[in-house]
């Protein structure tokens, strides 16, 4: 999906394509995942190995929707809108590590 979207933009004449043209679930969670900052509680979920999807996608949706064992992430209204965004779960020792699989 991401590759198709990027290919369409490049075919339309753009020199580069921004990531934020679409979201899997939540724009804040997209950024959190790209920066390698998904919640520690989903870290044990294995990388997804399906071509065309980010490695983090199963952890991403576990954070967004929860699983049988794990609760979903909290949501809040930000940016002076009525839209609820997922709240990142950051710790003092959180490290930014770009995930280029998206």
PDB file of N, CA and C in Angstrom:
ATOM      1  N   UNK A   1       0.821  -1.191   0.000  1.00  0.00           N
ATOM      2  CA  UNK A   1       0.000   0.000   0.000  1.00  0.00           C
ATOM      3  C   UNK A   1       0.867   1.257   0.000  1.00  0.00           C
ATOM      4  N   UNK A   2       1.853   1.276   0.885  1.00  0.00           N
ATOM      5  CA  UNK A   2       2.745   2.435   0.955  1.00  0.00           C
ATOM      6  C   UNK A   2       3.497   2.595  -0.352  1.00  0.00           C
ATOM      7  N   UNK A   3       4.014   1.490  -0.887  1.00  0.00           N
ATOM      8  CA  UNK A   3       4.767   1.568  -2.137  1.00  0.00           C
ATOM      9  C   UNK A   3       3.886   2.032  -3.290  1.00  0.00           C
ATOM     10  N   UNK A   4       2.641   1.523  -3.359  1.00  0.00           N
ATOM     11  CA  UNK A   4       1.725   1.953  -4.416  1.00  0.00           C
ATOM     12  C   UNK A   4       1.449   3.449  -4.312  1.00  0.00           C
ATOM     13  N   UNK A   5       1.213   3.912  -3.098  1.00  0.00           N
ATOM     14  CA  UNK A   5       0.941   5.332  -2.856  1.00  0.00           C
ATOM     15  C   UNK A   5       2.139   6.182  -3.288  1.00  0.00           C
ATOM     16  N   UNK A   6       3.324   5.772  -2.866  1.00  0.00           N
ATOM     17  CA  UNK A   6       4.542   6.509  -3.212  1.00  0.00           C
ATOM     18  C   UNK A   6       4.766   6.496  -4.720  1.00  0.00           C
ATOM     19  N   UNK A   7       4.584   5.340  -5.357  1.00  0.00           N
ATOM     20  CA  UNK A   7       4.758   5.237  -6.807  1.00  0.00           C
ATOM     21  C   UNK A   7       3.803   6.168  -7.555  1.00  0.00           C
ATOM     22  N   UNK A   8       2.550   6.264  -7.082  1.00  0.00           N
ATOM     23  CA  UNK A   8       1.581   7.162  -7.722  1.00  0.00           C
ATOM     24  C   UNK A   8       2.032   8.615  -7.624  1.00  0.00           C
ATOM     25  N   UNK A   9       2.521   9.012  -6.463  1.00  0.00           N
ATOM     26  CA  UNK A   9       2.974  10.392  -6.285  1.00  0.00           C
ATOM     27  C   UNK A   9       4.191  10.691  -7.157  1.00  0.00           C
ATOM     28  N   UNK A  10       5.123   9.755  -7.214  1.00  0.00           N
ATOM     29  CA  UNK A  10       6.316   9.955  -8.038  1.00  0.00           C
ATOM     30  C   UNK A  10       5.953   9.983  -9.523  1.00  0.00           C
ATOM     31  N   UNK A  11       5.012   9.121  -9.930  1.00  0.00           N
ATOM     32  CA  UNK A  11       4.568   9.100 -11.324  1.00  0.00           C
ATOM     33  C   UNK A  11       3.859  10.400 -11.705  1.00  0.00           C
ATOM     34  N   UNK A  12       3.281  11.065 -10.712  1.00  0.00           N
ATOM     35  CA  UNK A  12       2.599  12.342 -10.959  1.00  0.00           C
ATOM     36  C   UNK A  12       3.586  13.496 -11.098  1.00  0.00           C
ATOM     37  N   UNK A  13       4.882  13.211 -10.902  1.00  0.00           N
ATOM     38  CA  UNK A  13       5.895  14.233 -11.113  1.00  0.00           C
ATOM     39  C   UNK A  13       6.552  14.779  -9.866  1.00  0.00           C
ATOM     40  N   UNK A  14       6.204  14.263  -8.698  1.00  0.00           N
ATOM     41  CA  UNK A  14       6.860  14.727  -7.474  1.00  0.00           C
ATOM     42  C   UNK A  14       8.278  14.171  -7.388  1.00  0.00           C
ATOM     43  N   UNK A  15       9.191  14.949  -6.840  1.00  0.00           N
ATOM     44  CA  UNK A  15      10.570  14.490  -6.656  1.00  0.00           C
ATOM     45  C   UNK A  15      10.699  13.543  -5.472  1.00  0.00           C
ATOM     46  N   UNK A  16       9.823  13.703  -4.489  1.00  0.00           N
ATOM     47  CA  UNK A  16       9.818  12.836  -3.312  1.00  0.00           C
ATOM     48  C   UNK A  16       8.394  12.759  -2.792  1.00  0.00           C
ATOM     49  N   UNK A  17       8.141  11.803  -1.919  1.00  0.00           N
ATOM     50  CA  UNK A  17       6.787  11.603  -1.402  1.00  0.00           C
ATOM     51  C   UNK A  17       6.809  11.583   0.117  1.00  0.00           C
ATOM     52  N   UNK A  18       5.918  12.327   0.719  1.00  0.00           N
ATOM     53  CA  UNK A  18       5.826  12.380   2.182  1.00  0.00           C
ATOM     54  C   UNK A  18       5.124  11.141   2.720  1.00  0.00           C
ATOM     55  N   UNK A  19       5.537  10.718   3.903  1.00  0.00           N
ATOM     56  CA  UNK A  19       4.925   9.557   4.548  1.00  0.00           C
ATOM     57  C   UNK A  19       3.499   9.843   4.986  1.00  0.00           C
ATOM     58  N   UNK A  20       3.214  11.059   5.392  1.00  0.00           N
ATOM     59  CA  UNK A  20       1.972  11.368   6.086  1.00  0.00           C
ATOM     60  C   UNK A  20       0.743  11.480   5.192  1.00  0.00           C
ATOM     61  N   UNK A  21       0.804  11.023   3.976  1.00  0.00           N
ATOM     62  CA  UNK A  21      -0.348  11.096   3.099  1.00  0.00           C
ATOM     63  C   UNK A  21      -1.446  10.126   3.461  1.00  0.00           C
ATOM     64  N   UNK A  22      -1.163   9.181   4.282  1.00  0.00           N
ATOM     65  CA  UNK A  22      -2.145   8.197   4.728  1.00  0.00           C
ATOM     66  C   UNK A  22      -1.730   7.680   6.098  1.00  0.00           C
ATOM     67  N   UNK A  23      -2.656   7.002   6.744  1.00  0.00           N
ATOM     68  CA  UNK A  23      -2.366   6.454   8.063  1.00  0.00           C
ATOM     69  C   UNK A  23      -2.946   5.051   8.158  1.00  0.00           C
ATOM     70  N   UNK A  24      -2.269   4.193   8.876  1.00  0.00           N
ATOM     71  CA  UNK A  24      -2.831   2.868   9.136  1.00  0.00           C
ATOM     72  C   UNK A  24      -3.974   2.960  10.143  1.00  0.00           C
ATOM     73  N   UNK A  25      -3.855   3.874  11.122  1.00  0.00           N
ATOM     74  CA  UNK A  25      -4.865   3.984  12.176  1.00  0.00           C
ATOM     75  C   UNK A  25      -4.901   5.376  12.791  1.00  0.00           C
ATOM     76  N   UNK A  26      -3.744   5.940  13.119  1.00  0.00           N
ATOM     77  CA  UNK A  26      -3.679   7.186  13.874  1.00  0.00           C
ATOM     78  C   UNK A  26      -2.377   7.910  13.523  1.00  0.00           C
ATOM     79  N   UNK A  27      -2.461   9.194  13.216  1.00  0.00           N
ATOM     80  CA  UNK A  27      -1.286   9.954  12.780  1.00  0.00           C
ATOM     81  C   UNK A  27      -0.199  10.040  13.850  1.00  0.00           C
ATOM     82  N   UNK A  28      -0.590  10.197  15.095  1.00  0.00           N
ATOM     83  CA  UNK A  28       0.408  10.259  16.174  1.00  0.00           C
ATOM     84  C   UNK A  28       1.065   8.889  16.345  1.00  0.00           C
ATOM     85  N   UNK A  29       0.274   7.825  16.281  1.00  0.00           N
ATOM     86  CA  UNK A  29       0.838   6.478  16.392  1.00  0.00           C
ATOM     87  C   UNK A  29       1.752   6.176  15.207  1.00  0.00           C
ATOM     88  N   UNK A  30       1.423   6.676  14.015  1.00  0.00           N
ATOM     89  CA  UNK A  30       2.303   6.505  12.849  1.00  0.00           C
ATOM     90  C   UNK A  30       3.693   7.057  13.146  1.00  0.00           C
ATOM     91  N   UNK A  31       3.731   8.271  13.670  1.00  0.00           N
ATOM     92  CA  UNK A  31       5.013   8.911  13.979  1.00  0.00           C
ATOM     93  C   UNK A  31       5.737   8.167  15.087  1.00  0.00           C
ATOM     94  N   UNK A  32       4.994   7.759  16.096  1.00  0.00           N
ATOM     95  CA  UNK A  32       5.576   6.994  17.201  1.00  0.00           C
ATOM     96  C   UNK A  32       6.236   5.717  16.680  1.00  0.00           C
ATOM     97  N   UNK A  33       5.546   5.009  15.794  1.00  0.00           N
ATOM     98  CA  UNK A  33       6.083   3.766  15.236  1.00  0.00           C
ATOM     99  C   UNK A  33       7.304   4.030  14.365  1.00  0.00           C
ATOM    100  N   UNK A  34       7.240   5.053  13.524  1.00  0.00           N
ATOM    101  CA  UNK A  34       8.374   5.385  12.656  1.00  0.00           C
ATOM    102  C   UNK A  34       9.630   5.711  13.454  1.00  0.00           C
ATOM    103  N   UNK A  35       9.440   6.292  14.622  1.00  0.00           N
ATOM    104  CA  UNK A  35      10.579   6.669  15.462  1.00  0.00           C
ATOM    105  C   UNK A  35      11.001   5.551  16.412  1.00  0.00           C
ATOM    106  N   UNK A  36      10.399   4.370  16.262  1.00  0.00           N
ATOM    107  CA  UNK A  36      10.763   3.239  17.105  1.00  0.00           C
ATOM    108  C   UNK A  36      10.330   3.405  18.546  1.00  0.00           C
ATOM    109  N   UNK A  37       9.241   4.133  18.768  1.00  0.00           N
ATOM    110  CA  UNK A  37       8.810   4.449  20.126  1.00  0.00           C
ATOM    111  C   UNK A  37       7.472   3.817  20.493  1.00  0.00           C
ATOM    112  N   UNK A  38       7.148   2.674  19.871  1.00  0.00           N
ATOM    113  CA  UNK A  38       5.934   1.976  20.277  1.00  0.00           C
ATOM    114  C   UNK A  38       6.069   1.547  21.738  1.00  0.00           C
ATOM    115  N   UNK A  39       4.947   1.365  22.436  1.00  0.00           N
ATOM    116  CA  UNK A  39       5.016   1.023  23.862  1.00  0.00           C
ATOM    117  C   UNK A  39       5.846  -0.233  24.138  1.00  0.00           C
ATOM    118  N   UNK A  40       6.580  -0.194  25.224  1.00  0.00           N
ATOM    119  CA  UNK A  40       7.402  -1.335  25.634  1.00  0.00           C
ATOM    120  C   UNK A  40       6.548  -2.591  25.811  1.00  0.00           C
ATOM    121  N   UNK A  41       5.293  -2.430  26.212  1.00  0.00           N
ATOM    122  CA  UNK A  41       4.432  -3.589  26.473  1.00  0.00           C
ATOM    123  C   UNK A  41       4.116  -4.395  25.214  1.00  0.00           C
ATOM    124  N   UNK A  42       4.355  -3.834  24.020  1.00  0.00           N
ATOM    125  CA  UNK A  42       4.132  -4.587  22.779  1.00  0.00           C
ATOM    126  C   UNK A  42       5.438  -5.080  22.156  1.00  0.00           C
ATOM    127  N   UNK A  43       6.545  -4.851  22.828  1.00  0.00           N
ATOM    128  CA  UNK A  43       7.870  -5.169  22.269  1.00  0.00           C
ATOM    129  C   UNK A  43       8.072  -6.658  21.997  1.00  0.00           C
ATOM    130  N   UNK A  44       7.381  -7.529  22.726  1.00  0.00           N
ATOM    131  CA  UNK A  44       7.565  -8.970  22.534  1.00  0.00           C
ATOM    132  C   UNK A  44       6.803  -9.520  21.333  1.00  0.00           C
ATOM    133  N   UNK A  45       5.989  -8.706  20.693  1.00  0.00           N
ATOM    134  CA  UNK A  45       5.262  -9.146  19.501  1.00  0.00           C
ATOM    135  C   UNK A  45       6.250  -9.157  18.332  1.00  0.00           C
ATOM    136  N   UNK A  46       6.310 -10.282  17.644  1.00  0.00           N
ATOM    137  CA  UNK A  46       7.307 -10.482  16.580  1.00  0.00           C
ATOM    138  C   UNK A  46       7.100  -9.532  15.403  1.00  0.00           C
ATOM    139  N   UNK A  47       8.197  -9.287  14.676  1.00  0.00           N
ATOM    140  CA  UNK A  47       8.129  -8.506  13.445  1.00  0.00           C
ATOM    141  C   UNK A  47       7.185  -9.182  12.464  1.00  0.00           C
ATOM    142  N   UNK A  48       6.467  -8.381  11.703  1.00  0.00           N
ATOM    143  CA  UNK A  48       5.598  -8.866  10.636  1.00  0.00           C
ATOM    144  C   UNK A  48       6.480  -9.114   9.415  1.00  0.00           C
ATOM    145  N   UNK A  49       6.285 -10.222   8.727  1.00  0.00           N
ATOM    146  CA  UNK A  49       7.186 -10.536   7.612  1.00  0.00           C
ATOM    147  C   UNK A  49       6.487 -10.562   6.254  1.00  0.00           C
ATOM    148  N   UNK A  50       5.322  -9.932   6.134  1.00  0.00           N
ATOM    149  CA  UNK A  50       4.598  -9.871   4.872  1.00  0.00           C
ATOM    150  C   UNK A  50       5.129  -8.707   4.044  1.00  0.00           C
ATOM    151  N   UNK A  51       5.505  -8.975   2.814  1.00  0.00           N
ATOM    152  CA  UNK A  51       5.994  -7.903   1.936  1.00  0.00           C
ATOM    153  C   UNK A  51       4.954  -6.793   1.815  1.00  0.00           C
ATOM    154  N   UNK A  52       5.426  -5.576   1.823  1.00  0.00           N
ATOM    155  CA  UNK A  52       4.553  -4.439   1.633  1.00  0.00           C
ATOM    156  C   UNK A  52       4.013  -3.823   2.906  1.00  0.00           C
ATOM    157  N   UNK A  53       4.218  -4.480   4.031  1.00  0.00           N
ATOM    158  CA  UNK A  53       3.773  -3.932   5.313  1.00  0.00           C
ATOM    159  C   UNK A  53       4.980  -3.692   6.205  1.00  0.00           C
ATOM    160  N   UNK A  54       4.915  -2.676   7.042  1.00  0.00           N
ATOM    161  CA  UNK A  54       6.040  -2.411   7.950  1.00  0.00           C
ATOM    162  C   UNK A  54       6.254  -3.563   8.928  1.00  0.00           C
ATOM    163  N   UNK A  55       7.486  -3.754   9.333  1.00  0.00           N
ATOM    164  CA  UNK A  55       7.809  -4.791  10.327  1.00  0.00           C
ATOM    165  C   UNK A  55       7.015  -4.604  11.609  1.00  0.00           C
ATOM    166  N   UNK A  56       6.750  -3.348  11.961  1.00  0.00           N
ATOM    167  CA  UNK A  56       6.115  -3.043  13.243  1.00  0.00           C
ATOM    168  C   UNK A  56       4.592  -3.151  13.232  1.00  0.00           C
ATOM    169  N   UNK A  57       3.967  -3.527  12.109  1.00  0.00           N
ATOM    170  CA  UNK A  57       2.517  -3.387  11.967  1.00  0.00           C
ATOM    171  C   UNK A  57       1.725  -4.161  13.026  1.00  0.00           C
ATOM    172  N   UNK A  58       2.151  -5.353  13.411  1.00  0.00           N
ATOM    173  CA  UNK A  58       1.422  -6.109  14.436  1.00  0.00           C
ATOM    174  C   UNK A  58       1.539  -5.439  15.802  1.00  0.00           C
ATOM    175  N   UNK A  59       2.710  -4.903  16.114  1.00  0.00           N
ATOM    176  CA  UNK A  59       2.886  -4.150  17.367  1.00  0.00           C
ATOM    177  C   UNK A  59       2.061  -2.861  17.326  1.00  0.00           C
ATOM    178  N   UNK A  60       2.036  -2.230  16.170  1.00  0.00           N
ATOM    179  CA  UNK A  60       1.281  -0.994  15.958  1.00  0.00           C
ATOM    180  C   UNK A  60      -0.194  -1.203  16.312  1.00  0.00           C
ATOM    181  N   UNK A  61      -0.805  -2.243  15.718  1.00  0.00           N
ATOM    182  CA  UNK A  61      -2.227  -2.477  15.982  1.00  0.00           C
ATOM    183  C   UNK A  61      -2.474  -3.008  17.387  1.00  0.00           C
ATOM    184  N   UNK A  62      -1.511  -3.701  17.962  1.00  0.00           N
ATOM    185  CA  UNK A  62      -1.654  -4.108  19.367  1.00  0.00           C
ATOM    186  C   UNK A  62      -1.689  -2.874  20.261  1.00  0.00           C
ATOM    187  N   UNK A  63      -0.857  -1.887  19.957  1.00  0.00           N
ATOM    188  CA  UNK A  63      -0.870  -0.642  20.731  1.00  0.00           C
ATOM    189  C   UNK A  63      -2.182   0.108  20.502  1.00  0.00           C
ATOM    190  N   UNK A  64      -2.650   0.127  19.267  1.00  0.00           N
ATOM    191  CA  UNK A  64      -3.859   0.884  18.927  1.00  0.00           C
ATOM    192  C   UNK A  64      -5.127   0.247  19.473  1.00  0.00           C
ATOM    193  N   UNK A  65      -5.271  -1.054  19.289  1.00  0.00           N
ATOM    194  CA  UNK A  65      -6.532  -1.732  19.594  1.00  0.00           C
ATOM    195  C   UNK A  65      -6.465  -2.661  20.793  1.00  0.00           C
ATOM    196  N   UNK A  66      -5.241  -2.962  21.235  1.00  0.00           N
ATOM    197  CA  UNK A  66      -5.084  -3.928  22.309  1.00  0.00           C
ATOM    198  C   UNK A  66      -5.155  -5.349  21.770  1.00  0.00           C
ATOM    199  N   UNK A  67      -4.889  -6.305  22.632  1.00  0.00           N
ATOM    200  CA  UNK A  67      -4.997  -7.727  22.306  1.00  0.00           C
ATOM    201  C   UNK A  67      -5.749  -8.392  23.450  1.00  0.00           C
ATOM    202  N   UNK A  68      -5.887  -9.705  23.392  1.00  0.00           N
ATOM    203  CA  UNK A  68      -6.518 -10.416  24.514  1.00  0.00           C
ATOM    204  C   UNK A  68      -5.745 -10.191  25.801  1.00  0.00           C
ATOM    205  N   UNK A  69      -4.419 -10.072  25.678  1.00  0.00           N
ATOM    206  CA  UNK A  69      -3.562  -9.945  26.855  1.00  0.00           C
ATOM    207  C   UNK A  69      -3.185  -8.508  27.197  1.00  0.00           C
ATOM    208  N   UNK A  70      -3.208  -7.615  26.216  1.00  0.00           N
ATOM    209  CA  UNK A  70      -2.701  -6.249  26.411  1.00  0.00           C
ATOM    210  C   UNK A  70      -3.793  -5.209  26.183  1.00  0.00           C
ATOM    211  N   UNK A  71      -3.831  -4.177  27.016  1.00  0.00           N
ATOM    212  CA  UNK A  71      -4.819  -3.115  26.807  1.00  0.00           C
ATOM    213  C   UNK A  71      -4.420  -2.211  25.638  1.00  0.00           C
ATOM    214  N   UNK A  72      -5.399  -1.557  25.066  1.00  0.00           N
ATOM    215  CA  UNK A  72      -5.128  -0.554  24.027  1.00  0.00           C
ATOM    216  C   UNK A  72      -4.509   0.678  24.671  1.00  0.00           C
ATOM    217  N   UNK A  73      -3.804   1.449  23.886  1.00  0.00           N
ATOM    218  CA  UNK A  73      -3.227   2.706  24.370  1.00  0.00           C
ATOM    219  C   UNK A  73      -4.334   3.711  24.670  1.00  0.00           C
ATOM    220  N   UNK A  74      -4.030   4.621  25.567  1.00  0.00           N
ATOM    221  CA  UNK A  74      -4.970   5.691  25.898  1.00  0.00           C
ATOM    222  C   UNK A  74      -5.105   6.647  24.719  1.00  0.00           C
ATOM    223  N   UNK A  75      -6.233   7.329  24.670  1.00  0.00           N
ATOM    224  CA  UNK A  75      -6.463   8.336  23.630  1.00  0.00           C
ATOM    225  C   UNK A  75      -6.825   9.659  24.298  1.00  0.00           C
ATOM    226  N   UNK A  76      -6.521  10.757  23.603  1.00  0.00           N
ATOM    227  CA  UNK A  76      -6.864  12.083  24.112  1.00  0.00           C
ATOM    228  C   UNK A  76      -7.114  13.026  22.945  1.00  0.00           C
ATOM    229  N   UNK A  77      -7.816  14.121  23.221  1.00  0.00           N
ATOM    230  CA  UNK A  77      -8.032  15.155  22.205  1.00  0.00           C
ATOM    231  C   UNK A  77      -6.856  16.114  22.252  1.00  0.00           C
ATOM    232  N   UNK A  78      -6.224  16.316  21.092  1.00  0.00           N
ATOM    233  CA  UNK A  78      -5.095  17.236  20.981  1.00  0.00           C
ATOM    234  C   UNK A  78      -5.334  18.190  19.830  1.00  0.00           C
ATOM    235  N   UNK A  79      -4.478  19.166  19.724  1.00  0.00           N
ATOM    236  CA  UNK A  79      -4.433  20.079  18.580  1.00  0.00           C
ATOM    237  C   UNK A  79      -5.725  20.879  18.409  1.00  0.00           C
ATOM    238  N   UNK A  80      -6.421  21.126  19.508  1.00  0.00           N
ATOM    239  CA  UNK A  80      -7.637  21.939  19.498  1.00  0.00           C
ATOM    240  C   UNK A  80      -8.677  21.391  18.520  1.00  0.00           C
ATOM    241  N   UNK A  81      -8.802  20.061  18.484  1.00  0.00           N
ATOM    242  CA  UNK A  81      -9.799  19.418  17.627  1.00  0.00           C
ATOM    243  C   UNK A  81     -10.658  18.501  18.482  1.00  0.00           C
ATOM    244  N   UNK A  82     -11.677  17.932  17.887  1.00  0.00           N
ATOM    245  CA  UNK A  82     -12.516  16.958  18.573  1.00  0.00           C
ATOM    246  C   UNK A  82     -12.080  15.532  18.227  1.00  0.00           C
ATOM    247  N   UNK A  83     -10.929  15.400  17.556  1.00  0.00           N
ATOM    248  CA  UNK A  83     -10.419  14.092  17.153  1.00  0.00           C
ATOM    249  C   UNK A  83      -9.555  13.518  18.267  1.00  0.00           C
ATOM    250  N   UNK A  84      -9.745  12.246  18.556  1.00  0.00           N
ATOM    251  CA  UNK A  84      -8.939  11.573  19.581  1.00  0.00           C
ATOM    252  C   UNK A  84      -7.680  10.974  18.952  1.00  0.00           C
ATOM    253  N   UNK A  85      -6.545  11.251  19.554  1.00  0.00           N
ATOM    254  CA  UNK A  85      -5.258  10.704  19.116  1.00  0.00           C
ATOM    255  C   UNK A  85      -4.734   9.740  20.167  1.00  0.00           C
ATOM    256  N   UNK A  86      -3.967   8.750  19.729  1.00  0.00           N
ATOM    257  CA  UNK A  86      -3.339   7.816  20.663  1.00  0.00           C
ATOM    258  C   UNK A  86      -2.186   8.518  21.369  1.00  0.00           C
ATOM    259  N   UNK A  87      -2.128   8.341  22.668  1.00  0.00           N
ATOM    260  CA  UNK A  87      -1.099   8.985  23.491  1.00  0.00           C
ATOM    261  C   UNK A  87       0.169   8.125  23.483  1.00  0.00           C
ATOM    262  N   UNK A  88       1.300   8.659  23.037  1.00  0.00           N
ATOM    263  CA  UNK A  88       2.556   7.895  23.092  1.00  0.00           C
ATOM    264  C   UNK A  88       2.918   7.549  24.538  1.00  0.00           C
ATOM    265  N   UNK A  89       3.510   6.387  24.719  1.00  0.00           N
ATOM    266  CA  UNK A  89       3.941   5.937  26.042  1.00  0.00           C
ATOM    267  C   UNK A  89       5.463   6.008  26.088  1.00  0.00           C
ATOM    268  N   UNK A  90       5.972   7.146  26.499  1.00  0.00           N
ATOM    269  CA  UNK A  90       7.415   7.378  26.510  1.00  0.00           C
ATOM    270  C   UNK A  90       7.960   7.280  27.926  1.00  0.00           C
ATOM    271  N   UNK A  91       9.209   6.850  28.025  1.00  0.00           N
ATOM    272  CA  UNK A  91       9.903   6.764  29.309  1.00  0.00           C
ATOM    273  C   UNK A  91      11.190   7.572  29.213  1.00  0.00           C
ATOM    274  N   UNK A  92      11.796   7.835  30.354  1.00  0.00           N
ATOM    275  CA  UNK A  92      13.054   8.597  30.354  1.00  0.00           C
ATOM    276  C   UNK A  92      14.124   7.920  29.509  1.00  0.00           C
ATOM    277  N   UNK A  93      14.096   6.592  29.449  1.00  0.00           N
ATOM    278  CA  UNK A  93      15.124   5.868  28.699  1.00  0.00           C
ATOM    279  C   UNK A  93      14.676   5.493  27.277  1.00  0.00           C
ATOM    280  N   UNK A  94      13.550   6.046  26.802  1.00  0.00           N
ATOM    281  CA  UNK A  94      13.108   5.785  25.430  1.00  0.00           C
ATOM    282  C   UNK A  94      14.150   6.311  24.451  1.00  0.00           C
ATOM    283  N   UNK A  95      14.428   5.516  23.420  1.00  0.00           N
ATOM    284  CA  UNK A  95      15.427   5.908  22.423  1.00  0.00           C
ATOM    285  C   UNK A  95      14.779   5.976  21.053  1.00  0.00           C
ATOM    286  N   UNK A  96      15.028   7.047  20.347  1.00  0.00           N
ATOM    287  CA  UNK A  96      14.521   7.209  18.990  1.00  0.00           C
ATOM    288  C   UNK A  96      15.400   6.399  18.050  1.00  0.00           C
ATOM    289  N   UNK A  97      14.762   5.483  17.298  1.00  0.00           N
ATOM    290  CA  UNK A  97      15.465   4.664  16.310  1.00  0.00           C
ATOM    291  C   UNK A  97      14.558   4.555  15.095  1.00  0.00           C
ATOM    292  N   UNK A  98      14.882   5.263  14.030  1.00  0.00           N
ATOM    293  CA  UNK A  98      14.043   5.298  12.844  1.00  0.00           C
ATOM    294  C   UNK A  98      13.811   3.895  12.294  1.00  0.00           C
ATOM    295  N   UNK A  99      12.554   3.547  12.065  1.00  0.00           N
ATOM    296  CA  UNK A  99      12.194   2.275  11.442  1.00  0.00           C
ATOM    297  C   UNK A  99      11.861   2.571   9.985  1.00  0.00           C
ATOM    298  N   UNK A 100      12.714   2.152   9.082  1.00  0.00           N
ATOM    299  CA  UNK A 100      12.539   2.480   7.665  1.00  0.00           C
ATOM    300  C   UNK A 100      11.707   1.453   6.904  1.00  0.00           C
ATOM    301  N   UNK A 101      10.997   0.571   7.610  1.00  0.00           N
ATOM    302  CA  UNK A 101      10.220  -0.459   6.930  1.00  0.00           C
ATOM    303  C   UNK A 101       8.844   0.035   6.496  1.00  0.00           C
ATOM    304  N   UNK A 102       8.468   1.244   6.896  1.00  0.00           N
ATOM    305  CA  UNK A 102       7.125   1.750   6.563  1.00  0.00           C
ATOM    306  C   UNK A 102       7.059   2.247   5.137  1.00  0.00           C
TER     307      UNK A 102
END
